[in-house]
Amino acid sequence: MMQQQNVQRLLAVPLRRETRIIGFLGVDNPREHSHDPTLLSSIQFFVTNSLEQKKVQEKLYRLSYRDTLTGLDNRNRYMELLEAGKENALKQVGGIYMDLNGLKLCNDCFGHAAGDALICRAADALNDVFPGEACRIGGDEFVVICCPVTQEKFEQQVEALRAALVRHQVDAAIGSFWQSLVENLPAFLREADDRMYREKERQKRAARPSV
């Protein structure tokens, strides 16, 4: 492999993280000091430190924008999307507000571990249909923003989400809304939110006789 790259000489030092070797820093065909790794050895500290800083930054990003329970985007990411949506018009946008039914009852009767499992099942259902597009914005509230998406495809995805919720044994109210041009994303999502609350009320009225 080195011959194919015309490497005749290689000067290299290991990159270490504590006692582990995590890589190598090398110079191909050094013109001078080919047997003296002093300079590379001094540089390796800065390279390793830079890699560690990058790893920390990635972890901080995940903590800032990822919900630790479900792995979905969190409210911080959602608010960032809203701010961006205030400035730029979007075309062919589908929005979903989803609220779980019975999370408090589940927590009260079976404990918070069961409630967390319910939330994770809801996240799994969302990921089945909308991978990378869902945010958990509260304890039992989720939002999906799809852009661009045709109305026909979005409506199919909404039905697929309802089926996924059944498969994952999750009871939820869904409000969905599609628009060809969205100039104000927060106002657009409020319509989806209103539709979700109207569905929740219909579900409550339908459940009363059985209760």
N, C-alpha and C. Protein backbone atom coordinates (compact mmCIF):
# COMPACT_ATOMS: atom_id res chain seq x y z
N MET A 1 0.84 -1.20 0.00
CA MET A 1 0.00 0.00 0.00
C MET A 1 0.88 1.26 0.00
N MET A 2 1.96 1.22 0.80
CA MET A 2 2.85 2.38 0.85
C MET A 2 3.59 2.56 -0.46
N GLN A 3 3.95 1.46 -1.10
CA GLN A 3 4.62 1.56 -2.39
C GLN A 3 3.71 2.20 -3.43
N GLN A 4 2.42 1.85 -3.39
CA GLN A 4 1.47 2.44 -4.35
C GLN A 4 1.36 3.94 -4.16
N GLN A 5 1.57 4.42 -2.95
CA GLN A 5 1.51 5.85 -2.66
C GLN A 5 2.89 6.50 -2.74
N ASN A 6 3.88 5.74 -3.20
CA ASN A 6 5.24 6.23 -3.35
C ASN A 6 5.83 6.70 -2.02
N VAL A 7 5.54 5.96 -0.96
CA VAL A 7 6.11 6.27 0.35
C VAL A 7 7.34 5.39 0.55
N GLN A 8 8.52 6.06 0.57
CA GLN A 8 9.77 5.33 0.75
C GLN A 8 10.19 5.31 2.22
N ARG A 9 9.87 6.39 2.92
CA ARG A 9 10.24 6.48 4.33
C ARG A 9 9.02 7.02 5.11
N LEU A 10 8.86 6.57 6.31
CA LEU A 10 7.74 7.02 7.14
C LEU A 10 8.24 7.25 8.57
N LEU A 11 8.02 8.47 9.04
CA LEU A 11 8.34 8.81 10.43
C LEU A 11 7.01 8.97 11.16
N ALA A 12 6.80 8.20 12.21
CA ALA A 12 5.49 8.21 12.89
C ALA A 12 5.66 8.10 14.40
N VAL A 13 4.71 8.70 15.11
CA VAL A 13 4.64 8.58 16.57
C VAL A 13 3.21 8.22 16.94
N PRO A 14 3.01 7.48 18.01
CA PRO A 14 1.64 7.12 18.41
C PRO A 14 0.92 8.28 19.08
N LEU A 15 -0.41 8.33 18.89
CA LEU A 15 -1.28 9.25 19.62
C LEU A 15 -1.92 8.47 20.75
N ARG A 16 -1.74 8.95 21.97
CA ARG A 16 -2.19 8.20 23.13
C ARG A 16 -3.29 8.94 23.88
N ARG A 17 -4.26 8.17 24.36
CA ARG A 17 -5.25 8.68 25.30
C ARG A 17 -5.08 7.84 26.57
N GLU A 18 -4.48 8.46 27.57
CA GLU A 18 -4.06 7.76 28.78
C GLU A 18 -3.11 6.62 28.38
N THR A 19 -3.48 5.38 28.56
CA THR A 19 -2.58 4.28 28.22
C THR A 19 -2.91 3.65 26.87
N ARG A 20 -3.96 4.13 26.21
CA ARG A 20 -4.39 3.53 24.94
C ARG A 20 -3.83 4.28 23.75
N ILE A 21 -3.43 3.56 22.73
CA ILE A 21 -3.04 4.17 21.46
C ILE A 21 -4.29 4.32 20.61
N ILE A 22 -4.59 5.55 20.21
CA ILE A 22 -5.82 5.82 19.45
C ILE A 22 -5.53 6.16 17.99
N GLY A 23 -4.25 6.25 17.64
CA GLY A 23 -3.91 6.55 16.26
C GLY A 23 -2.43 6.85 16.13
N PHE A 24 -2.06 7.34 14.96
CA PHE A 24 -0.67 7.68 14.70
C PHE A 24 -0.59 9.01 13.97
N LEU A 25 0.48 9.73 14.23
CA LEU A 25 0.78 10.96 13.51
C LEU A 25 2.06 10.70 12.74
N GLY A 26 2.03 10.87 11.41
CA GLY A 26 3.19 10.51 10.61
C GLY A 26 3.51 11.51 9.53
N VAL A 27 4.73 11.41 9.03
CA VAL A 27 5.21 12.23 7.91
C VAL A 27 5.74 11.28 6.85
N ASP A 28 5.20 11.41 5.64
CA ASP A 28 5.67 10.58 4.52
C ASP A 28 6.92 11.18 3.90
N ASN A 29 7.90 10.34 3.65
CA ASN A 29 9.13 10.74 2.96
C ASN A 29 9.75 12.02 3.53
N PRO A 30 10.05 12.05 4.83
CA PRO A 30 10.66 13.26 5.40
C PRO A 30 12.01 13.54 4.75
N ARG A 31 12.26 14.82 4.44
CA ARG A 31 13.51 15.19 3.78
C ARG A 31 14.67 15.27 4.78
N GLU A 32 14.35 15.69 6.01
CA GLU A 32 15.39 15.83 7.02
C GLU A 32 14.93 15.16 8.31
N HIS A 33 15.91 14.85 9.14
CA HIS A 33 15.64 14.30 10.47
C HIS A 33 14.72 13.07 10.40
N SER A 34 14.97 12.24 9.43
CA SER A 34 14.08 11.09 9.23
C SER A 34 14.14 10.08 10.37
N HIS A 35 15.16 10.20 11.21
CA HIS A 35 15.27 9.27 12.33
C HIS A 35 15.05 9.97 13.68
N ASP A 36 14.56 11.22 13.63
CA ASP A 36 14.40 12.00 14.86
C ASP A 36 12.92 12.36 15.03
N PRO A 37 12.22 11.67 15.92
CA PRO A 37 10.78 11.94 16.10
C PRO A 37 10.48 13.04 17.13
N THR A 38 11.51 13.81 17.50
CA THR A 38 11.31 14.79 18.58
C THR A 38 10.19 15.77 18.26
N LEU A 39 10.22 16.35 17.05
CA LEU A 39 9.21 17.34 16.69
C LEU A 39 7.82 16.72 16.67
N LEU A 40 7.69 15.55 16.06
CA LEU A 40 6.38 14.90 16.03
C LEU A 40 5.90 14.56 17.44
N SER A 41 6.81 14.13 18.28
CA SER A 41 6.42 13.79 19.65
C SER A 41 5.88 14.99 20.40
N SER A 42 6.44 16.18 20.11
CA SER A 42 5.94 17.38 20.77
C SER A 42 4.59 17.80 20.21
N ILE A 43 4.35 17.52 18.92
CA ILE A 43 3.08 17.90 18.30
C ILE A 43 1.95 16.98 18.73
N GLN A 44 2.29 15.73 19.03
CA GLN A 44 1.24 14.75 19.31
C GLN A 44 0.35 15.18 20.48
N PHE A 45 0.91 15.89 21.47
CA PHE A 45 0.10 16.35 22.60
C PHE A 45 -1.01 17.27 22.11
N PHE A 46 -0.66 18.22 21.23
CA PHE A 46 -1.66 19.18 20.75
C PHE A 46 -2.71 18.50 19.88
N VAL A 47 -2.28 17.54 19.08
CA VAL A 47 -3.24 16.81 18.24
C VAL A 47 -4.21 16.02 19.12
N THR A 48 -3.68 15.29 20.11
CA THR A 48 -4.53 14.51 21.00
C THR A 48 -5.48 15.41 21.78
N ASN A 49 -4.98 16.54 22.25
CA ASN A 49 -5.81 17.48 23.00
C ASN A 49 -6.93 18.03 22.12
N SER A 50 -6.61 18.31 20.85
CA SER A 50 -7.63 18.80 19.92
C SER A 50 -8.71 17.76 19.68
N LEU A 51 -8.30 16.49 19.56
CA LEU A 51 -9.28 15.41 19.38
C LEU A 51 -10.18 15.29 20.60
N GLU A 52 -9.60 15.45 21.78
CA GLU A 52 -10.40 15.37 23.01
C GLU A 52 -11.40 16.51 23.08
N GLN A 53 -10.97 17.71 22.69
CA GLN A 53 -11.88 18.85 22.71
C GLN A 53 -13.05 18.64 21.73
N LYS A 54 -12.72 18.07 20.57
CA LYS A 54 -13.78 17.79 19.59
C LYS A 54 -14.78 16.79 20.15
N LYS A 55 -14.27 15.78 20.84
CA LYS A 55 -15.14 14.77 21.43
C LYS A 55 -16.05 15.40 22.49
N VAL A 56 -15.49 16.29 23.30
CA VAL A 56 -16.29 16.98 24.32
C VAL A 56 -17.35 17.86 23.68
N GLN A 57 -16.96 18.56 22.60
CA GLN A 57 -17.91 19.43 21.91
C GLN A 57 -19.07 18.63 21.33
N GLU A 58 -18.76 17.47 20.76
CA GLU A 58 -19.82 16.61 20.21
C GLU A 58 -20.75 16.13 21.32
N LYS A 59 -20.17 15.81 22.48
CA LYS A 59 -21.00 15.37 23.61
C LYS A 59 -21.89 16.50 24.08
N LEU A 60 -21.34 17.72 24.16
CA LEU A 60 -22.13 18.88 24.58
C LEU A 60 -23.25 19.16 23.58
N TYR A 61 -22.95 18.97 22.29
CA TYR A 61 -23.98 19.17 21.26
C TYR A 61 -25.12 18.18 21.48
N ARG A 62 -24.75 16.91 21.73
CA ARG A 62 -25.80 15.90 21.94
C ARG A 62 -26.64 16.25 23.16
N LEU A 63 -25.98 16.71 24.22
CA LEU A 63 -26.71 17.07 25.43
C LEU A 63 -27.59 18.30 25.20
N SER A 64 -27.13 19.20 24.34
CA SER A 64 -27.88 20.44 24.09
C SER A 64 -29.08 20.22 23.19
N TYR A 65 -28.96 19.31 22.23
CA TYR A 65 -30.01 19.18 21.22
C TYR A 65 -30.66 17.80 21.16
N ARG A 66 -30.23 16.88 22.02
CA ARG A 66 -30.82 15.54 22.03
C ARG A 66 -31.51 15.26 23.35
N ASP A 67 -32.69 14.67 23.25
CA ASP A 67 -33.39 14.21 24.44
C ASP A 67 -32.72 12.94 24.94
N THR A 68 -32.25 12.96 26.17
CA THR A 68 -31.44 11.84 26.66
C THR A 68 -32.25 10.56 26.82
N LEU A 69 -33.55 10.66 27.04
CA LEU A 69 -34.37 9.46 27.23
C LEU A 69 -34.66 8.76 25.90
N THR A 70 -35.05 9.53 24.89
CA THR A 70 -35.53 8.93 23.64
C THR A 70 -34.53 8.99 22.49
N GLY A 71 -33.56 9.90 22.58
CA GLY A 71 -32.64 10.09 21.45
C GLY A 71 -33.20 11.00 20.37
N LEU A 72 -34.44 11.46 20.53
CA LEU A 72 -35.00 12.42 19.58
C LEU A 72 -34.39 13.79 19.81
N ASP A 73 -34.59 14.70 18.85
CA ASP A 73 -34.24 16.09 19.10
C ASP A 73 -35.07 16.61 20.27
N ASN A 74 -34.51 17.57 21.03
CA ASN A 74 -35.21 18.06 22.21
C ASN A 74 -35.82 19.44 21.95
N ARG A 75 -36.30 20.05 23.02
CA ARG A 75 -36.98 21.34 22.89
C ARG A 75 -36.03 22.45 22.40
N ASN A 76 -34.75 22.38 22.80
CA ASN A 76 -33.79 23.38 22.33
C ASN A 76 -33.71 23.37 20.80
N ARG A 77 -33.63 22.17 20.25
CA ARG A 77 -33.57 22.04 18.79
C ARG A 77 -34.87 22.53 18.16
N TYR A 78 -35.99 22.22 18.80
CA TYR A 78 -37.29 22.66 18.30
C TYR A 78 -37.37 24.19 18.27
N MET A 79 -36.92 24.84 19.34
CA MET A 79 -36.96 26.30 19.39
C MET A 79 -36.05 26.90 18.33
N GLU A 80 -34.93 26.24 18.06
CA GLU A 80 -34.02 26.71 17.01
C GLU A 80 -34.70 26.63 15.65
N LEU A 81 -35.43 25.55 15.41
CA LEU A 81 -36.16 25.41 14.15
C LEU A 81 -37.24 26.48 14.01
N LEU A 82 -37.91 26.78 15.12
CA LEU A 82 -38.94 27.82 15.09
C LEU A 82 -38.35 29.17 14.73
N GLU A 83 -37.21 29.50 15.33
CA GLU A 83 -36.57 30.78 15.05
C GLU A 83 -36.18 30.88 13.58
N ALA A 84 -35.64 29.80 13.06
CA ALA A 84 -35.26 29.79 11.64
C ALA A 84 -36.49 29.92 10.74
N GLY A 85 -37.60 29.31 11.18
CA GLY A 85 -38.83 29.36 10.41
C GLY A 85 -39.50 30.72 10.40
N LYS A 86 -39.14 31.58 11.36
CA LYS A 86 -39.69 32.94 11.38
C LYS A 86 -39.07 33.80 10.29
N GLU A 87 -37.85 33.47 9.89
CA GLU A 87 -37.10 34.31 8.96
C GLU A 87 -37.25 33.87 7.51
N ASN A 88 -37.52 32.59 7.31
CA ASN A 88 -37.51 32.05 5.95
C ASN A 88 -38.83 31.36 5.63
N ALA A 89 -39.36 31.65 4.44
CA ALA A 89 -40.55 30.95 3.97
C ALA A 89 -40.17 29.53 3.56
N LEU A 90 -41.05 28.59 3.86
CA LEU A 90 -40.81 27.18 3.56
C LEU A 90 -41.91 26.68 2.62
N LYS A 91 -41.52 25.78 1.73
CA LYS A 91 -42.49 25.21 0.78
C LYS A 91 -42.75 23.75 1.13
N GLN A 92 -44.01 23.37 0.93
CA GLN A 92 -44.45 21.98 1.12
C GLN A 92 -44.05 21.46 2.51
N VAL A 93 -44.75 21.95 3.51
CA VAL A 93 -44.41 21.62 4.89
C VAL A 93 -45.54 20.81 5.52
N GLY A 94 -45.15 19.73 6.20
CA GLY A 94 -46.09 18.96 7.00
C GLY A 94 -45.70 19.06 8.46
N GLY A 95 -46.68 19.29 9.31
CA GLY A 95 -46.41 19.41 10.74
C GLY A 95 -47.33 18.52 11.56
N ILE A 96 -46.79 17.95 12.62
CA ILE A 96 -47.56 17.08 13.52
C ILE A 96 -47.30 17.48 14.96
N TYR A 97 -48.38 17.61 15.72
CA TYR A 97 -48.30 17.68 17.17
C TYR A 97 -48.89 16.37 17.70
N MET A 98 -48.17 15.74 18.62
CA MET A 98 -48.64 14.48 19.18
C MET A 98 -48.53 14.53 20.70
N ASP A 99 -49.59 14.09 21.37
CA ASP A 99 -49.63 14.11 22.83
C ASP A 99 -50.07 12.72 23.32
N LEU A 100 -49.31 12.14 24.24
CA LEU A 100 -49.64 10.81 24.73
C LEU A 100 -50.85 10.86 25.64
N ASN A 101 -51.66 9.84 25.57
CA ASN A 101 -52.79 9.69 26.48
C ASN A 101 -52.41 8.74 27.61
N GLY A 102 -52.70 9.15 28.83
CA GLY A 102 -52.54 8.24 29.95
C GLY A 102 -51.15 8.14 30.55
N LEU A 103 -50.24 9.08 30.23
CA LEU A 103 -48.90 8.99 30.80
C LEU A 103 -48.93 9.17 32.32
N LYS A 104 -49.70 10.13 32.81
CA LYS A 104 -49.78 10.35 34.26
C LYS A 104 -50.35 9.13 34.97
N LEU A 105 -51.40 8.55 34.37
CA LEU A 105 -52.01 7.36 34.96
C LEU A 105 -51.00 6.21 34.99
N CYS A 106 -50.24 6.07 33.91
CA CYS A 106 -49.21 5.03 33.84
C CYS A 106 -48.17 5.23 34.93
N ASN A 107 -47.72 6.47 35.10
CA ASN A 107 -46.73 6.77 36.15
C ASN A 107 -47.29 6.47 37.53
N ASP A 108 -48.54 6.88 37.77
CA ASP A 108 -49.15 6.72 39.09
C ASP A 108 -49.38 5.25 39.43
N CYS A 109 -49.78 4.48 38.44
CA CYS A 109 -50.15 3.08 38.71
C CYS A 109 -48.95 2.13 38.66
N PHE A 110 -48.03 2.38 37.74
CA PHE A 110 -46.95 1.41 37.50
C PHE A 110 -45.55 1.95 37.75
N GLY A 111 -45.44 3.24 38.05
CA GLY A 111 -44.13 3.82 38.32
C GLY A 111 -43.55 4.54 37.11
N HIS A 112 -42.56 5.37 37.40
CA HIS A 112 -41.99 6.21 36.34
C HIS A 112 -41.19 5.40 35.32
N ALA A 113 -40.68 4.24 35.72
CA ALA A 113 -39.98 3.40 34.74
C ALA A 113 -40.93 2.96 33.63
N ALA A 114 -42.18 2.63 34.01
CA ALA A 114 -43.17 2.25 33.01
C ALA A 114 -43.55 3.45 32.15
N GLY A 115 -43.63 4.63 32.78
CA GLY A 115 -43.91 5.85 32.01
C GLY A 115 -42.81 6.16 31.02
N ASP A 116 -41.56 5.98 31.46
CA ASP A 116 -40.43 6.21 30.54
C ASP A 116 -40.48 5.22 29.37
N ALA A 117 -40.84 3.98 29.67
CA ALA A 117 -40.93 2.97 28.61
C ALA A 117 -42.01 3.35 27.60
N LEU A 118 -43.13 3.91 28.09
CA LEU A 118 -44.20 4.36 27.20
C LEU A 118 -43.69 5.49 26.30
N ILE A 119 -42.97 6.43 26.86
CA ILE A 119 -42.42 7.55 26.08
C ILE A 119 -41.46 7.02 25.02
N CYS A 120 -40.63 6.06 25.39
CA CYS A 120 -39.67 5.49 24.43
C CYS A 120 -40.37 4.73 23.31
N ARG A 121 -41.47 4.06 23.63
CA ARG A 121 -42.22 3.37 22.59
C ARG A 121 -42.83 4.37 21.60
N ALA A 122 -43.28 5.50 22.12
CA ALA A 122 -43.80 6.55 21.26
C ALA A 122 -42.70 7.08 20.34
N ALA A 123 -41.51 7.26 20.90
CA ALA A 123 -40.37 7.73 20.10
C ALA A 123 -40.02 6.70 19.03
N ASP A 124 -40.08 5.42 19.37
CA ASP A 124 -39.80 4.37 18.38
C ASP A 124 -40.80 4.43 17.23
N ALA A 125 -42.07 4.67 17.56
CA ALA A 125 -43.09 4.77 16.51
C ALA A 125 -42.81 5.96 15.59
N LEU A 126 -42.41 7.08 16.18
CA LEU A 126 -42.08 8.25 15.38
C LEU A 126 -40.87 7.98 14.49
N ASN A 127 -39.87 7.32 15.04
CA ASN A 127 -38.67 7.02 14.25
C ASN A 127 -38.96 6.03 13.12
N ASP A 128 -39.95 5.16 13.33
CA ASP A 128 -40.32 4.23 12.26
C ASP A 128 -40.76 4.96 11.00
N VAL A 129 -41.44 6.09 11.19
CA VAL A 129 -42.05 6.80 10.06
C VAL A 129 -41.32 8.10 9.72
N PHE A 130 -40.81 8.78 10.74
CA PHE A 130 -40.17 10.08 10.54
C PHE A 130 -38.76 10.09 11.16
N PRO A 131 -37.86 9.26 10.66
CA PRO A 131 -36.52 9.23 11.27
C PRO A 131 -35.80 10.57 11.13
N GLY A 132 -35.33 11.09 12.27
CA GLY A 132 -34.58 12.34 12.27
C GLY A 132 -35.42 13.59 12.15
N GLU A 133 -36.75 13.48 12.20
CA GLU A 133 -37.61 14.65 11.99
C GLU A 133 -38.50 14.95 13.19
N ALA A 134 -38.37 14.20 14.27
CA ALA A 134 -39.25 14.37 15.43
C ALA A 134 -38.50 15.00 16.59
N CYS A 135 -39.23 15.81 17.36
CA CYS A 135 -38.68 16.42 18.57
C CYS A 135 -39.59 16.06 19.75
N ARG A 136 -38.98 15.80 20.88
CA ARG A 136 -39.74 15.69 22.12
C ARG A 136 -39.64 17.03 22.82
N ILE A 137 -40.76 17.73 22.94
CA ILE A 137 -40.72 19.11 23.44
C ILE A 137 -41.24 19.21 24.87
N GLY A 138 -41.74 18.10 25.43
CA GLY A 138 -42.23 18.10 26.80
C GLY A 138 -42.31 16.67 27.28
N GLY A 139 -42.88 16.49 28.47
CA GLY A 139 -42.95 15.15 29.03
C GLY A 139 -43.66 14.17 28.12
N ASP A 140 -44.82 14.54 27.59
CA ASP A 140 -45.59 13.64 26.73
C ASP A 140 -45.95 14.29 25.40
N GLU A 141 -45.21 15.32 25.00
CA GLU A 141 -45.50 16.07 23.78
C GLU A 141 -44.39 15.91 22.76
N PHE A 142 -44.80 15.70 21.51
CA PHE A 142 -43.86 15.51 20.42
C PHE A 142 -44.29 16.36 19.23
N VAL A 143 -43.31 16.79 18.45
CA VAL A 143 -43.57 17.57 17.24
C VAL A 143 -42.76 16.99 16.09
N VAL A 144 -43.38 16.96 14.92
CA VAL A 144 -42.68 16.54 13.70
C VAL A 144 -42.80 17.67 12.68
N ILE A 145 -41.68 18.00 12.05
CA ILE A 145 -41.67 18.99 10.97
C ILE A 145 -41.03 18.34 9.75
N CYS A 146 -41.81 18.20 8.68
CA CYS A 146 -41.31 17.60 7.43
C CYS A 146 -41.26 18.67 6.35
N CYS A 147 -40.12 18.79 5.70
CA CYS A 147 -39.99 19.80 4.64
C CYS A 147 -38.77 19.47 3.77
N PRO A 148 -38.98 19.38 2.46
CA PRO A 148 -40.25 19.44 1.73
C PRO A 148 -40.88 18.05 1.66
N VAL A 149 -42.20 18.03 1.58
CA VAL A 149 -42.94 16.78 1.44
C VAL A 149 -44.25 17.08 0.73
N THR A 150 -44.65 16.21 -0.19
CA THR A 150 -45.93 16.42 -0.87
C THR A 150 -47.07 16.12 0.10
N GLN A 151 -48.22 16.70 -0.19
CA GLN A 151 -49.37 16.48 0.67
C GLN A 151 -49.77 15.01 0.70
N GLU A 152 -49.72 14.37 -0.46
CA GLU A 152 -50.10 12.96 -0.54
C GLU A 152 -49.17 12.10 0.32
N LYS A 153 -47.88 12.31 0.17
CA LYS A 153 -46.93 11.51 0.96
C LYS A 153 -47.09 11.78 2.45
N PHE A 154 -47.27 13.05 2.82
CA PHE A 154 -47.41 13.40 4.23
C PHE A 154 -48.63 12.72 4.84
N GLU A 155 -49.75 12.75 4.12
CA GLU A 155 -50.96 12.11 4.64
C GLU A 155 -50.75 10.60 4.80
N GLN A 156 -50.00 10.00 3.89
CA GLN A 156 -49.68 8.58 4.01
C GLN A 156 -48.81 8.32 5.25
N GLN A 157 -47.87 9.23 5.50
CA GLN A 157 -47.01 9.09 6.67
C GLN A 157 -47.79 9.23 7.97
N VAL A 158 -48.77 10.13 7.98
CA VAL A 158 -49.59 10.29 9.18
C VAL A 158 -50.34 8.99 9.48
N GLU A 159 -50.91 8.38 8.45
CA GLU A 159 -51.60 7.11 8.65
C GLU A 159 -50.63 6.01 9.07
N ALA A 160 -49.42 6.04 8.50
CA ALA A 160 -48.40 5.07 8.90
C ALA A 160 -48.01 5.27 10.36
N LEU A 161 -47.98 6.51 10.82
CA LEU A 161 -47.68 6.79 12.23
C LEU A 161 -48.77 6.23 13.14
N ARG A 162 -50.02 6.40 12.75
CA ARG A 162 -51.11 5.86 13.57
C ARG A 162 -50.98 4.34 13.68
N ALA A 163 -50.62 3.69 12.58
CA ALA A 163 -50.43 2.24 12.61
C ALA A 163 -49.23 1.86 13.48
N ALA A 164 -48.16 2.65 13.40
CA ALA A 164 -46.97 2.37 14.21
C ALA A 164 -47.26 2.52 15.69
N LEU A 165 -48.08 3.48 16.05
CA LEU A 165 -48.45 3.66 17.46
C LEU A 165 -49.22 2.44 17.97
N VAL A 166 -50.09 1.90 17.14
CA VAL A 166 -50.82 0.69 17.53
C VAL A 166 -49.85 -0.46 17.73
N ARG A 167 -48.90 -0.61 16.81
CA ARG A 167 -47.91 -1.70 16.92
C ARG A 167 -47.10 -1.58 18.21
N HIS A 168 -46.76 -0.35 18.57
CA HIS A 168 -45.94 -0.12 19.76
C HIS A 168 -46.78 0.04 21.03
N GLN A 169 -48.09 -0.17 20.90
CA GLN A 169 -49.01 -0.12 22.05
C GLN A 169 -48.96 1.24 22.74
N VAL A 170 -49.14 2.28 21.93
CA VAL A 170 -49.14 3.65 22.44
C VAL A 170 -50.45 4.31 22.05
N ASP A 171 -51.12 4.92 23.03
CA ASP A 171 -52.34 5.67 22.78
C ASP A 171 -51.99 7.15 22.77
N ALA A 172 -52.31 7.84 21.67
CA ALA A 172 -51.92 9.24 21.55
C ALA A 172 -52.92 9.99 20.69
N ALA A 173 -52.96 11.30 20.89
CA ALA A 173 -53.75 12.19 20.04
C ALA A 173 -52.80 12.87 19.06
N ILE A 174 -53.21 12.92 17.79
CA ILE A 174 -52.37 13.48 16.74
C ILE A 174 -53.11 14.61 16.05
N GLY A 175 -52.42 15.72 15.87
CA GLY A 175 -52.92 16.81 15.03
C GLY A 175 -51.94 17.03 13.90
N SER A 176 -52.41 16.93 12.67
CA SER A 176 -51.52 17.08 11.51
C SER A 176 -52.03 18.18 10.59
N PHE A 177 -51.08 18.84 9.92
CA PHE A 177 -51.44 19.94 9.04
C PHE A 177 -50.39 20.03 7.95
N TRP A 178 -50.84 20.25 6.71
CA TRP A 178 -49.92 20.42 5.58
C TRP A 178 -50.25 21.73 4.87
N GLN A 179 -49.21 22.40 4.39
CA GLN A 179 -49.41 23.66 3.68
C GLN A 179 -48.34 23.79 2.60
N SER A 180 -48.75 24.32 1.44
CA SER A 180 -47.82 24.42 0.31
C SER A 180 -46.77 25.51 0.53
N LEU A 181 -47.14 26.58 1.22
CA LEU A 181 -46.21 27.67 1.51
C LEU A 181 -46.40 28.13 2.95
N VAL A 182 -45.34 28.09 3.73
CA VAL A 182 -45.40 28.49 5.14
C VAL A 182 -44.46 29.68 5.33
N GLU A 183 -45.05 30.84 5.63
CA GLU A 183 -44.25 32.04 5.85
C GLU A 183 -44.00 32.29 7.34
N ASN A 184 -44.77 31.63 8.19
CA ASN A 184 -44.59 31.76 9.64
C ASN A 184 -44.74 30.38 10.27
N LEU A 185 -43.62 29.74 10.55
CA LEU A 185 -43.65 28.36 11.04
C LEU A 185 -44.36 28.23 12.39
N PRO A 186 -44.13 29.14 13.37
CA PRO A 186 -44.86 29.00 14.63
C PRO A 186 -46.38 29.03 14.46
N ALA A 187 -46.89 29.92 13.60
CA ALA A 187 -48.33 29.99 13.37
C ALA A 187 -48.82 28.72 12.68
N PHE A 188 -48.04 28.20 11.77
CA PHE A 188 -48.38 26.95 11.08
C PHE A 188 -48.51 25.80 12.09
N LEU A 189 -47.56 25.71 13.01
CA LEU A 189 -47.57 24.62 13.98
C LEU A 189 -48.69 24.79 15.01
N ARG A 190 -49.10 26.03 15.26
CA ARG A 190 -50.24 26.23 16.17
C ARG A 190 -51.49 25.58 15.62
N GLU A 191 -51.65 25.59 14.30
CA GLU A 191 -52.81 24.94 13.69
C GLU A 191 -52.75 23.43 13.95
N ALA A 192 -51.57 22.82 13.81
CA ALA A 192 -51.42 21.40 14.10
C ALA A 192 -51.70 21.13 15.57
N ASP A 193 -51.25 22.03 16.44
CA ASP A 193 -51.50 21.89 17.88
C ASP A 193 -52.99 21.96 18.18
N ASP A 194 -53.69 22.90 17.57
CA ASP A 194 -55.14 23.02 17.78
C ASP A 194 -55.86 21.75 17.31
N ARG A 195 -55.43 21.19 16.19
CA ARG A 195 -56.06 19.97 15.69
C ARG A 195 -55.81 18.79 16.64
N MET A 196 -54.64 18.78 17.25
CA MET A 196 -54.34 17.72 18.21
C MET A 196 -55.28 17.81 19.42
N TYR A 197 -55.50 19.03 19.93
CA TYR A 197 -56.39 19.18 21.08
C TYR A 197 -57.83 18.82 20.72
N ARG A 198 -58.25 19.13 19.49
CA ARG A 198 -59.60 18.76 19.08
C ARG A 198 -59.74 17.24 19.00
N GLU A 199 -58.70 16.56 18.53
CA GLU A 199 -58.74 15.10 18.49
C GLU A 199 -58.76 14.53 19.90
N LYS A 200 -58.00 15.12 20.81
CA LYS A 200 -57.97 14.63 22.18
C LYS A 200 -59.36 14.75 22.83
N GLU A 201 -60.04 15.85 22.54
CA GLU A 201 -61.39 16.01 23.07
C GLU A 201 -62.34 14.97 22.49
N ARG A 202 -62.22 14.69 21.21
CA ARG A 202 -63.06 13.64 20.59
C ARG A 202 -62.78 12.29 21.23
N GLN A 203 -61.52 12.00 21.50
CA GLN A 203 -61.16 10.73 22.13
C GLN A 203 -61.74 10.64 23.54
N LYS A 204 -61.74 11.75 24.28
CA LYS A 204 -62.30 11.74 25.63
C LYS A 204 -63.80 11.49 25.60
N ARG A 205 -64.50 12.15 24.65
CA ARG A 205 -65.94 11.95 24.55
C ARG A 205 -66.27 10.52 24.18
N ALA A 206 -65.47 9.94 23.28
CA ALA A 206 -65.72 8.56 22.85
C ALA A 206 -65.45 7.56 23.98
N ALA A 207 -64.56 7.91 24.90
CA ALA A 207 -64.16 6.98 25.97
C ALA A 207 -65.10 7.01 27.15
N ARG A 208 -65.88 8.07 27.31
CA ARG A 208 -66.70 8.23 28.52
C ARG A 208 -67.66 7.09 28.79
N PRO A 209 -68.38 6.59 27.78
CA PRO A 209 -69.30 5.48 28.08
C PRO A 209 -68.57 4.24 28.62
N SER A 210 -67.41 3.92 28.06
CA SER A 210 -66.70 2.73 28.50
C SER A 210 -66.12 2.92 29.89
N VAL A 211 -65.76 4.17 30.25
CA VAL A 211 -65.26 4.43 31.60
C VAL A 211 -66.34 4.15 32.61
